[in-house]
PDB file of all heavy atoms in Angstrom:
ATOM      1  N   ASN A   1      14.160  -6.768   8.127  1.00  0.00           N
ATOM      2  CA  ASN A   1      15.001  -6.299   7.029  1.00  0.00           C
ATOM      3  C   ASN A   1      16.104  -7.297   6.661  1.00  0.00           C
ATOM      4  O   ASN A   1      17.041  -6.959   5.957  1.00  0.00           O
ATOM      5  CB  ASN A   1      15.611  -4.932   7.343  1.00  0.00           C
ATOM      6  CG  ASN A   1      16.573  -4.959   8.512  1.00  0.00           C
ATOM      7  OD1 ASN A   1      16.733  -5.987   9.176  1.00  0.00           O
ATOM      8  ND2 ASN A   1      17.220  -3.837   8.772  1.00  0.00           N
ATOM      9  N   ARG A   2      15.967  -8.527   7.162  1.00  0.00           N
ATOM     10  CA  ARG A   2      16.869  -9.593   6.715  1.00  0.00           C
ATOM     11  C   ARG A   2      16.089 -10.771   6.157  1.00  0.00           C
ATOM     12  O   ARG A   2      16.610 -11.882   6.038  1.00  0.00           O
ATOM     13  CB  ARG A   2      17.767 -10.066   7.863  1.00  0.00           C
ATOM     14  CG  ARG A   2      18.807  -9.045   8.288  1.00  0.00           C
ATOM     15  CD  ARG A   2      19.870  -9.667   9.175  1.00  0.00           C
ATOM     16  NE  ARG A   2      20.566  -8.619   9.928  1.00  0.00           N
ATOM     17  CZ  ARG A   2      20.927  -8.728  11.201  1.00  0.00           C
ATOM     18  NH1 ARG A   2      20.646  -9.838  11.871  1.00  0.00           N
ATOM     19  NH2 ARG A   2      21.556  -7.743  11.800  1.00  0.00           N
ATOM     20  N   ILE A   3      14.829 -10.541   5.790  1.00  0.00           N
ATOM     21  CA  ILE A   3      13.990 -11.631   5.281  1.00  0.00           C
ATOM     22  C   ILE A   3      13.514 -11.312   3.869  1.00  0.00           C
ATOM     23  O   ILE A   3      12.952 -10.247   3.605  1.00  0.00           O
ATOM     24  CB  ILE A   3      12.764 -11.864   6.189  1.00  0.00           C
ATOM     25  CG1 ILE A   3      13.205 -12.285   7.595  1.00  0.00           C
ATOM     26  CG2 ILE A   3      11.837 -12.916   5.587  1.00  0.00           C
ATOM     27  CD1 ILE A   3      12.063 -12.413   8.589  1.00  0.00           C
ATOM     28  N   THR A   4      13.755 -12.244   2.957  1.00  0.00           N
ATOM     29  CA  THR A   4      13.205 -12.206   1.604  1.00  0.00           C
ATOM     30  C   THR A   4      12.335 -13.444   1.437  1.00  0.00           C
ATOM     31  O   THR A   4      12.659 -14.509   1.973  1.00  0.00           O
ATOM     32  CB  THR A   4      14.330 -12.226   0.556  1.00  0.00           C
ATOM     33  OG1 THR A   4      15.210 -11.134   0.783  1.00  0.00           O
ATOM     34  CG2 THR A   4      13.771 -12.113  -0.851  1.00  0.00           C
ATOM     35  N   LEU A   5      11.243 -13.308   0.701  1.00  0.00           N
ATOM     36  CA  LEU A   5      10.339 -14.438   0.486  1.00  0.00           C
ATOM     37  C   LEU A   5      10.265 -14.800  -0.991  1.00  0.00           C
ATOM     38  O   LEU A   5      10.397 -13.943  -1.865  1.00  0.00           O
ATOM     39  CB  LEU A   5       8.925 -14.112   0.975  1.00  0.00           C
ATOM     40  CG  LEU A   5       8.720 -13.780   2.450  1.00  0.00           C
ATOM     41  CD1 LEU A   5       7.225 -13.581   2.737  1.00  0.00           C
ATOM     42  CD2 LEU A   5       9.298 -14.862   3.347  1.00  0.00           C
ATOM     43  N   SER A   6      10.025 -16.081  -1.246  1.00  0.00           N
ATOM     44  CA  SER A   6       9.665 -16.526  -2.593  1.00  0.00           C
ATOM     45  C   SER A   6       8.648 -17.640  -2.467  1.00  0.00           C
ATOM     46  O   SER A   6       8.587 -18.343  -1.454  1.00  0.00           O
ATOM     47  CB  SER A   6      10.893 -16.996  -3.377  1.00  0.00           C
ATOM     48  OG  SER A   6      11.463 -18.153  -2.802  1.00  0.00           O
ATOM     49  N   ALA A   7       7.837 -17.800  -3.503  1.00  0.00           N
ATOM     50  CA  ALA A   7       6.804 -18.836  -3.529  1.00  0.00           C
ATOM     51  C   ALA A   7       6.723 -19.350  -4.967  1.00  0.00           C
ATOM     52  O   ALA A   7       5.871 -18.926  -5.742  1.00  0.00           O
ATOM     53  CB  ALA A   7       5.465 -18.271  -3.061  1.00  0.00           C
ATOM     54  N   LYS A   8       7.618 -20.251  -5.295  1.00  0.00           N
ATOM     55  CA  LYS A   8       7.801 -20.633  -6.699  1.00  0.00           C
ATOM     56  C   LYS A   8       6.903 -21.789  -7.123  1.00  0.00           C
ATOM     57  O   LYS A   8       6.765 -22.778  -6.399  1.00  0.00           O
ATOM     58  CB  LYS A   8       9.261 -20.986  -6.964  1.00  0.00           C
ATOM     59  CG  LYS A   8      10.197 -19.782  -6.835  1.00  0.00           C
ATOM     60  CD  LYS A   8      11.590 -20.125  -7.345  1.00  0.00           C
ATOM     61  CE  LYS A   8      12.508 -18.924  -7.288  1.00  0.00           C
ATOM     62  NZ  LYS A   8      13.831 -19.215  -7.865  1.00  0.00           N
ATOM     63  N   MET A   9       6.326 -21.618  -8.300  1.00  0.00           N
ATOM     64  CA  MET A   9       5.504 -22.650  -8.928  1.00  0.00           C
ATOM     65  C   MET A   9       5.958 -22.769 -10.380  1.00  0.00           C
ATOM     66  O   MET A   9       6.631 -21.881 -10.909  1.00  0.00           O
ATOM     67  CB  MET A   9       4.024 -22.287  -8.825  1.00  0.00           C
ATOM     68  CG  MET A   9       3.567 -21.982  -7.405  1.00  0.00           C
ATOM     69  SD  MET A   9       1.800 -21.700  -7.242  1.00  0.00           S
ATOM     70  CE  MET A   9       1.167 -23.374  -7.281  1.00  0.00           C
ATOM     71  N   SER A  10       5.565 -23.857 -11.041  1.00  0.00           N
ATOM     72  CA  SER A  10       5.996 -24.058 -12.424  1.00  0.00           C
ATOM     73  C   SER A  10       4.931 -23.670 -13.442  1.00  0.00           C
ATOM     74  O   SER A  10       5.207 -23.686 -14.640  1.00  0.00           O
ATOM     75  CB  SER A  10       6.414 -25.521 -12.647  1.00  0.00           C
ATOM     76  OG  SER A  10       5.345 -26.400 -12.361  1.00  0.00           O
ATOM     77  N   GLY A  11       3.745 -23.321 -12.984  1.00  0.00           N
ATOM     78  CA  GLY A  11       2.687 -22.861 -13.877  1.00  0.00           C
ATOM     79  C   GLY A  11       2.632 -21.344 -13.916  1.00  0.00           C
ATOM     80  O   GLY A  11       2.673 -20.687 -12.869  1.00  0.00           O
ATOM     81  N   VAL A  12       2.522 -20.788 -15.100  1.00  0.00           N
ATOM     82  CA  VAL A  12       2.538 -19.329 -15.253  1.00  0.00           C
ATOM     83  C   VAL A  12       1.392 -18.674 -14.485  1.00  0.00           C
ATOM     84  O   VAL A  12       1.596 -17.748 -13.694  1.00  0.00           O
ATOM     85  CB  VAL A  12       2.487 -18.944 -16.745  1.00  0.00           C
ATOM     86  CG1 VAL A  12       2.259 -17.441 -16.914  1.00  0.00           C
ATOM     87  CG2 VAL A  12       3.770 -19.371 -17.448  1.00  0.00           C
ATOM     88  N   GLN A  13       0.167 -19.122 -14.709  1.00  0.00           N
ATOM     89  CA  GLN A  13      -0.977 -18.496 -14.049  1.00  0.00           C
ATOM     90  C   GLN A  13      -0.948 -18.725 -12.545  1.00  0.00           C
ATOM     91  O   GLN A  13      -1.340 -17.849 -11.762  1.00  0.00           O
ATOM     92  CB  GLN A  13      -2.287 -19.033 -14.644  1.00  0.00           C
ATOM     93  CG  GLN A  13      -2.478 -18.704 -16.121  1.00  0.00           C
ATOM     94  CD  GLN A  13      -2.540 -17.206 -16.388  1.00  0.00           C
ATOM     95  OE1 GLN A  13      -2.861 -16.414 -15.515  1.00  0.00           O
ATOM     96  NE2 GLN A  13      -2.231 -16.813 -17.629  1.00  0.00           N
ATOM     97  N   ASP A  14      -0.482 -19.901 -12.123  1.00  0.00           N
ATOM     98  CA  ASP A  14      -0.346 -20.168 -10.683  1.00  0.00           C
ATOM     99  C   ASP A  14       0.630 -19.184 -10.045  1.00  0.00           C
ATOM    100  O   ASP A  14       0.364 -18.623  -8.978  1.00  0.00           O
ATOM    101  CB  ASP A  14       0.149 -21.598 -10.458  1.00  0.00           C
ATOM    102  CG  ASP A  14      -0.885 -22.649 -10.778  1.00  0.00           C
ATOM    103  OD1 ASP A  14      -2.048 -22.462 -10.391  1.00  0.00           O
ATOM    104  OD2 ASP A  14      -0.526 -23.655 -11.412  1.00  0.00           O
ATOM    105  N   LEU A  15       1.779 -18.989 -10.690  1.00  0.00           N
ATOM    106  CA  LEU A  15       2.791 -18.107 -10.124  1.00  0.00           C
ATOM    107  C   LEU A  15       2.260 -16.684 -10.000  1.00  0.00           C
ATOM    108  O   LEU A  15       2.446 -16.023  -8.977  1.00  0.00           O
ATOM    109  CB  LEU A  15       4.052 -18.123 -10.998  1.00  0.00           C
ATOM    110  CG  LEU A  15       5.259 -17.456 -10.342  1.00  0.00           C
ATOM    111  CD1 LEU A  15       5.981 -18.438  -9.424  1.00  0.00           C
ATOM    112  CD2 LEU A  15       6.240 -16.925 -11.389  1.00  0.00           C
ATOM    113  N   ILE A  16       1.604 -16.207 -11.037  1.00  0.00           N
ATOM    114  CA  ILE A  16       1.061 -14.850 -11.006  1.00  0.00           C
ATOM    115  C   ILE A  16       0.062 -14.695  -9.859  1.00  0.00           C
ATOM    116  O   ILE A  16       0.110 -13.730  -9.088  1.00  0.00           O
ATOM    117  CB  ILE A  16       0.409 -14.508 -12.356  1.00  0.00           C
ATOM    118  CG1 ILE A  16       1.479 -14.416 -13.456  1.00  0.00           C
ATOM    119  CG2 ILE A  16      -0.371 -13.193 -12.266  1.00  0.00           C
ATOM    120  CD1 ILE A  16       0.912 -14.331 -14.866  1.00  0.00           C
ATOM    121  N   ALA A  17      -0.838 -15.660  -9.726  1.00  0.00           N
ATOM    122  CA  ALA A  17      -1.867 -15.582  -8.676  1.00  0.00           C
ATOM    123  C   ALA A  17      -1.243 -15.595  -7.283  1.00  0.00           C
ATOM    124  O   ALA A  17      -1.636 -14.817  -6.403  1.00  0.00           O
ATOM    125  CB  ALA A  17      -2.849 -16.742  -8.832  1.00  0.00           C
ATOM    126  N   VAL A  18      -0.260 -16.466  -7.065  1.00  0.00           N
ATOM    127  CA  VAL A  18       0.352 -16.590  -5.743  1.00  0.00           C
ATOM    128  C   VAL A  18       1.109 -15.317  -5.372  1.00  0.00           C
ATOM    129  O   VAL A  18       0.989 -14.813  -4.239  1.00  0.00           O
ATOM    130  CB  VAL A  18       1.283 -17.820  -5.701  1.00  0.00           C
ATOM    131  CG1 VAL A  18       2.215 -17.751  -4.490  1.00  0.00           C
ATOM    132  CG2 VAL A  18       0.456 -19.094  -5.641  1.00  0.00           C
ATOM    133  N   TYR A  19       1.876 -14.772  -6.290  1.00  0.00           N
ATOM    134  CA  TYR A  19       2.655 -13.572  -5.957  1.00  0.00           C
ATOM    135  C   TYR A  19       1.764 -12.342  -5.791  1.00  0.00           C
ATOM    136  O   TYR A  19       2.081 -11.457  -4.993  1.00  0.00           O
ATOM    137  CB  TYR A  19       3.735 -13.327  -7.004  1.00  0.00           C
ATOM    138  CG  TYR A  19       5.024 -14.038  -6.666  1.00  0.00           C
ATOM    139  CD1 TYR A  19       5.306 -15.282  -7.204  1.00  0.00           C
ATOM    140  CD2 TYR A  19       5.949 -13.481  -5.791  1.00  0.00           C
ATOM    141  CE1 TYR A  19       6.482 -15.956  -6.887  1.00  0.00           C
ATOM    142  CE2 TYR A  19       7.121 -14.141  -5.468  1.00  0.00           C
ATOM    143  CZ  TYR A  19       7.387 -15.376  -6.020  1.00  0.00           C
ATOM    144  OH  TYR A  19       8.550 -16.032  -5.699  1.00  0.00           O
ATOM    145  N   ARG A  20       0.678 -12.280  -6.527  1.00  0.00           N
ATOM    146  CA  ARG A  20      -0.258 -11.171  -6.296  1.00  0.00           C
ATOM    147  C   ARG A  20      -0.788 -11.224  -4.865  1.00  0.00           C
ATOM    148  O   ARG A  20      -0.866 -10.200  -4.175  1.00  0.00           O
ATOM    149  CB  ARG A  20      -1.409 -11.243  -7.296  1.00  0.00           C
ATOM    150  CG  ARG A  20      -1.079 -10.716  -8.684  1.00  0.00           C
ATOM    151  CD  ARG A  20      -2.220 -10.968  -9.650  1.00  0.00           C
ATOM    152  NE  ARG A  20      -2.001 -10.296 -10.935  1.00  0.00           N
ATOM    153  CZ  ARG A  20      -2.682 -10.567 -12.048  1.00  0.00           C
ATOM    154  NH1 ARG A  20      -3.623 -11.503 -12.024  1.00  0.00           N
ATOM    155  NH2 ARG A  20      -2.422  -9.918 -13.164  1.00  0.00           N
ATOM    156  N   GLU A  21      -1.159 -12.415  -4.424  1.00  0.00           N
ATOM    157  CA  GLU A  21      -1.692 -12.563  -3.073  1.00  0.00           C
ATOM    158  C   GLU A  21      -0.614 -12.321  -2.029  1.00  0.00           C
ATOM    159  O   GLU A  21      -0.839 -11.640  -1.023  1.00  0.00           O
ATOM    160  CB  GLU A  21      -2.305 -13.958  -2.909  1.00  0.00           C
ATOM    161  CG  GLU A  21      -3.031 -14.169  -1.590  1.00  0.00           C
ATOM    162  CD  GLU A  21      -4.216 -13.238  -1.410  1.00  0.00           C
ATOM    163  OE1 GLU A  21      -4.846 -12.854  -2.417  1.00  0.00           O
ATOM    164  OE2 GLU A  21      -4.503 -12.866  -0.238  1.00  0.00           O
ATOM    165  N   LEU A  22       0.572 -12.869  -2.259  1.00  0.00           N
ATOM    166  CA  LEU A  22       1.664 -12.700  -1.302  1.00  0.00           C
ATOM    167  C   LEU A  22       2.054 -11.231  -1.171  1.00  0.00           C
ATOM    168  O   LEU A  22       2.254 -10.728  -0.059  1.00  0.00           O
ATOM    169  CB  LEU A  22       2.866 -13.530  -1.751  1.00  0.00           C
ATOM    170  CG  LEU A  22       4.080 -13.575  -0.818  1.00  0.00           C
ATOM    171  CD1 LEU A  22       3.704 -14.141   0.544  1.00  0.00           C
ATOM    172  CD2 LEU A  22       5.197 -14.407  -1.451  1.00  0.00           C
ATOM    173  N   SER A  23       2.133 -10.537  -2.291  1.00  0.00           N
ATOM    174  CA  SER A  23       2.532  -9.124  -2.252  1.00  0.00           C
ATOM    175  C   SER A  23       1.490  -8.267  -1.552  1.00  0.00           C
ATOM    176  O   SER A  23       1.826  -7.254  -0.933  1.00  0.00           O
ATOM    177  CB  SER A  23       2.763  -8.602  -3.670  1.00  0.00           C
ATOM    178  OG  SER A  23       1.557  -8.528  -4.399  1.00  0.00           O
ATOM    179  N   ALA A  24       0.225  -8.673  -1.632  1.00  0.00           N
ATOM    180  CA  ALA A  24      -0.843  -7.907  -0.988  1.00  0.00           C
ATOM    181  C   ALA A  24      -0.848  -8.091   0.524  1.00  0.00           C
ATOM    182  O   ALA A  24      -1.373  -7.252   1.257  1.00  0.00           O
ATOM    183  CB  ALA A  24      -2.199  -8.321  -1.563  1.00  0.00           C
ATOM    184  N   GLN A  25      -0.241  -9.184   1.003  1.00  0.00           N
ATOM    185  CA  GLN A  25      -0.314  -9.500   2.428  1.00  0.00           C
ATOM    186  C   GLN A  25       0.944  -9.164   3.218  1.00  0.00           C
ATOM    187  O   GLN A  25       0.973  -9.351   4.436  1.00  0.00           O
ATOM    188  CB  GLN A  25      -0.628 -10.991   2.605  1.00  0.00           C
ATOM    189  CG  GLN A  25      -2.016 -11.395   2.137  1.00  0.00           C
ATOM    190  CD  GLN A  25      -2.396 -12.783   2.624  1.00  0.00           C
ATOM    191  OE1 GLN A  25      -2.057 -13.178   3.737  1.00  0.00           O
ATOM    192  NE2 GLN A  25      -3.119 -13.525   1.796  1.00  0.00           N
ATOM    193  N   CYS A  26       1.996  -8.691   2.543  1.00  0.00           N
ATOM    194  CA  CYS A  26       3.218  -8.432   3.305  1.00  0.00           C
ATOM    195  C   CYS A  26       4.053  -7.355   2.614  1.00  0.00           C
ATOM    196  O   CYS A  26       3.791  -6.978   1.472  1.00  0.00           O
ATOM    197  CB  CYS A  26       4.043  -9.712   3.444  1.00  0.00           C
ATOM    198  SG  CYS A  26       4.874 -10.226   1.924  1.00  0.00           S
ATOM    199  N   ASP A  27       5.068  -6.875   3.330  1.00  0.00           N
ATOM    200  CA  ASP A  27       5.997  -5.916   2.738  1.00  0.00           C
ATOM    201  C   ASP A  27       7.427  -6.458   2.730  1.00  0.00           C
ATOM    202  O   ASP A  27       8.387  -5.703   2.631  1.00  0.00           O
ATOM    203  CB  ASP A  27       5.941  -4.572   3.466  1.00  0.00           C
ATOM    204  CG  ASP A  27       6.226  -4.674   4.964  1.00  0.00           C
ATOM    205  OD1 ASP A  27       6.535  -5.790   5.442  1.00  0.00           O
ATOM    206  OD2 ASP A  27       6.157  -3.639   5.645  1.00  0.00           O
ATOM    207  N   TYR A  28       7.568  -7.789   2.832  1.00  0.00           N
ATOM    208  CA  TYR A  28       8.891  -8.390   2.677  1.00  0.00           C
ATOM    209  C   TYR A  28       9.357  -8.232   1.223  1.00  0.00           C
ATOM    210  O   TYR A  28       8.540  -8.198   0.292  1.00  0.00           O
ATOM    211  CB  TYR A  28       8.851  -9.886   3.002  1.00  0.00           C
ATOM    212  CG  TYR A  28       8.505 -10.229   4.430  1.00  0.00           C
ATOM    213  CD1 TYR A  28       7.291 -10.825   4.746  1.00  0.00           C
ATOM    214  CD2 TYR A  28       9.402  -9.989   5.466  1.00  0.00           C
ATOM    215  CE1 TYR A  28       6.955 -11.162   6.042  1.00  0.00           C
ATOM    216  CE2 TYR A  28       9.083 -10.324   6.779  1.00  0.00           C
ATOM    217  CZ  TYR A  28       7.858 -10.907   7.058  1.00  0.00           C
ATOM    218  OH  TYR A  28       7.544 -11.235   8.352  1.00  0.00           O
ATOM    219  N   ALA A  29      10.664  -8.157   1.023  1.00  0.00           N
ATOM    220  CA  ALA A  29      11.210  -8.174  -0.327  1.00  0.00           C
ATOM    221  C   ALA A  29      10.895  -9.531  -0.964  1.00  0.00           C
ATOM    222  O   ALA A  29      10.947 -10.566  -0.296  1.00  0.00           O
ATOM    223  CB  ALA A  29      12.711  -7.936  -0.303  1.00  0.00           C
ATOM    224  N   LEU A  30      10.578  -9.516  -2.259  1.00  0.00           N
ATOM    225  CA  LEU A  30      10.152 -10.733  -2.948  1.00  0.00           C
ATOM    226  C   LEU A  30      11.127 -11.132  -4.050  1.00  0.00           C
ATOM    227  O   LEU A  30      11.539 -10.307  -4.862  1.00  0.00           O
ATOM    228  CB  LEU A  30       8.756 -10.545  -3.549  1.00  0.00           C
ATOM    229  CG  LEU A  30       7.622 -10.275  -2.563  1.00  0.00           C
ATOM    230  CD1 LEU A  30       6.294 -10.147  -3.310  1.00  0.00           C
ATOM    231  CD2 LEU A  30       7.527 -11.359  -1.497  1.00  0.00           C
ATOM    232  N   HIS A  31      11.457 -12.412  -4.049  1.00  0.00           N
ATOM    233  CA  HIS A  31      12.293 -13.026  -5.087  1.00  0.00           C
ATOM    234  C   HIS A  31      11.353 -13.709  -6.076  1.00  0.00           C
ATOM    235  O   HIS A  31      10.563 -14.570  -5.691  1.00  0.00           O
ATOM    236  CB  HIS A  31      13.232 -14.037  -4.417  1.00  0.00           C
ATOM    237  CG  HIS A  31      13.947 -14.972  -5.340  1.00  0.00           C
ATOM    238  ND1 HIS A  31      15.318 -15.031  -5.405  1.00  0.00           N
ATOM    239  CD2 HIS A  31      13.501 -15.910  -6.213  1.00  0.00           C
ATOM    240  CE1 HIS A  31      15.678 -15.956  -6.281  1.00  0.00           C
ATOM    241  NE2 HIS A  31      14.582 -16.504  -6.775  1.00  0.00           N
ATOM    242  N   LEU A  32      11.431 -13.335  -7.360  1.00  0.00           N
ATOM    243  CA  LEU A  32      10.569 -13.921  -8.385  1.00  0.00           C
ATOM    244  C   LEU A  32      11.316 -14.974  -9.183  1.00  0.00           C
ATOM    245  O   LEU A  32      12.498 -14.810  -9.503  1.00  0.00           O
ATOM    246  CB  LEU A  32      10.081 -12.862  -9.369  1.00  0.00           C
ATOM    247  CG  LEU A  32       9.253 -11.686  -8.871  1.00  0.00           C
ATOM    248  CD1 LEU A  32       8.736 -10.884 -10.063  1.00  0.00           C
ATOM    249  CD2 LEU A  32       8.109 -12.145  -7.996  1.00  0.00           C
ATOM    250  N   GLY A  33      10.608 -16.023  -9.535  1.00  0.00           N
ATOM    251  CA  GLY A  33      11.170 -17.034 -10.414  1.00  0.00           C
ATOM    252  C   GLY A  33      10.144 -18.114 -10.677  1.00  0.00           C
ATOM    253  O   GLY A  33       9.394 -18.500  -9.778  1.00  0.00           O
ATOM    254  N   LEU A  34      10.088 -18.570 -11.922  1.00  0.00           N
ATOM    255  CA  LEU A  34       9.228 -19.693 -12.289  1.00  0.00           C
ATOM    256  C   LEU A  34      10.058 -20.954 -12.133  1.00  0.00           C
ATOM    257  O   LEU A  34      11.022 -21.157 -12.874  1.00  0.00           O
ATOM    258  CB  LEU A  34       8.744 -19.534 -13.732  1.00  0.00           C
ATOM    259  CG  LEU A  34       7.705 -20.540 -14.214  1.00  0.00           C
ATOM    260  CD1 LEU A  34       6.334 -20.216 -13.627  1.00  0.00           C
ATOM    261  CD2 LEU A  34       7.623 -20.546 -15.739  1.00  0.00           C
ATOM    262  N   THR A  35       9.724 -21.786 -11.155  1.00  0.00           N
ATOM    263  CA  THR A  35      10.547 -22.952 -10.894  1.00  0.00           C
ATOM    264  C   THR A  35      10.401 -23.977 -12.011  1.00  0.00           C
ATOM    265  O   THR A  35       9.334 -24.078 -12.640  1.00  0.00           O
ATOM    266  CB  THR A  35      10.179 -23.589  -9.537  1.00  0.00           C
ATOM    267  OG1 THR A  35      11.165 -24.561  -9.194  1.00  0.00           O
ATOM    268  CG2 THR A  35       8.817 -24.262  -9.568  1.00  0.00           C
ATOM    269  N   GLU A  36      11.481 -24.717 -12.269  1.00  0.00           N
ATOM    270  CA  GLU A  36      11.471 -25.736 -13.324  1.00  0.00           C
ATOM    271  C   GLU A  36      10.874 -25.178 -14.619  1.00  0.00           C
ATOM    272  O   GLU A  36       9.992 -25.792 -15.239  1.00  0.00           O
ATOM    273  CB  GLU A  36      10.689 -26.983 -12.891  1.00  0.00           C
ATOM    274  CG  GLU A  36      11.447 -27.864 -11.930  1.00  0.00           C
ATOM    275  CD  GLU A  36      11.215 -27.487 -10.468  1.00  0.00           C
ATOM    276  OE1 GLU A  36      10.063 -27.234 -10.084  1.00  0.00           O
ATOM    277  OE2 GLU A  36      12.199 -27.430  -9.708  1.00  0.00           O
TER     278      GLU A  36
END
């Protein structure tokens, strides 16, 4: 309960795909953002 995750990419479709997979594999709170 002290861990937040993010996995930022600069491509729209890449970001969507990565966060879908990340959200399916864990219950950590997620920080969203399209880098650069």
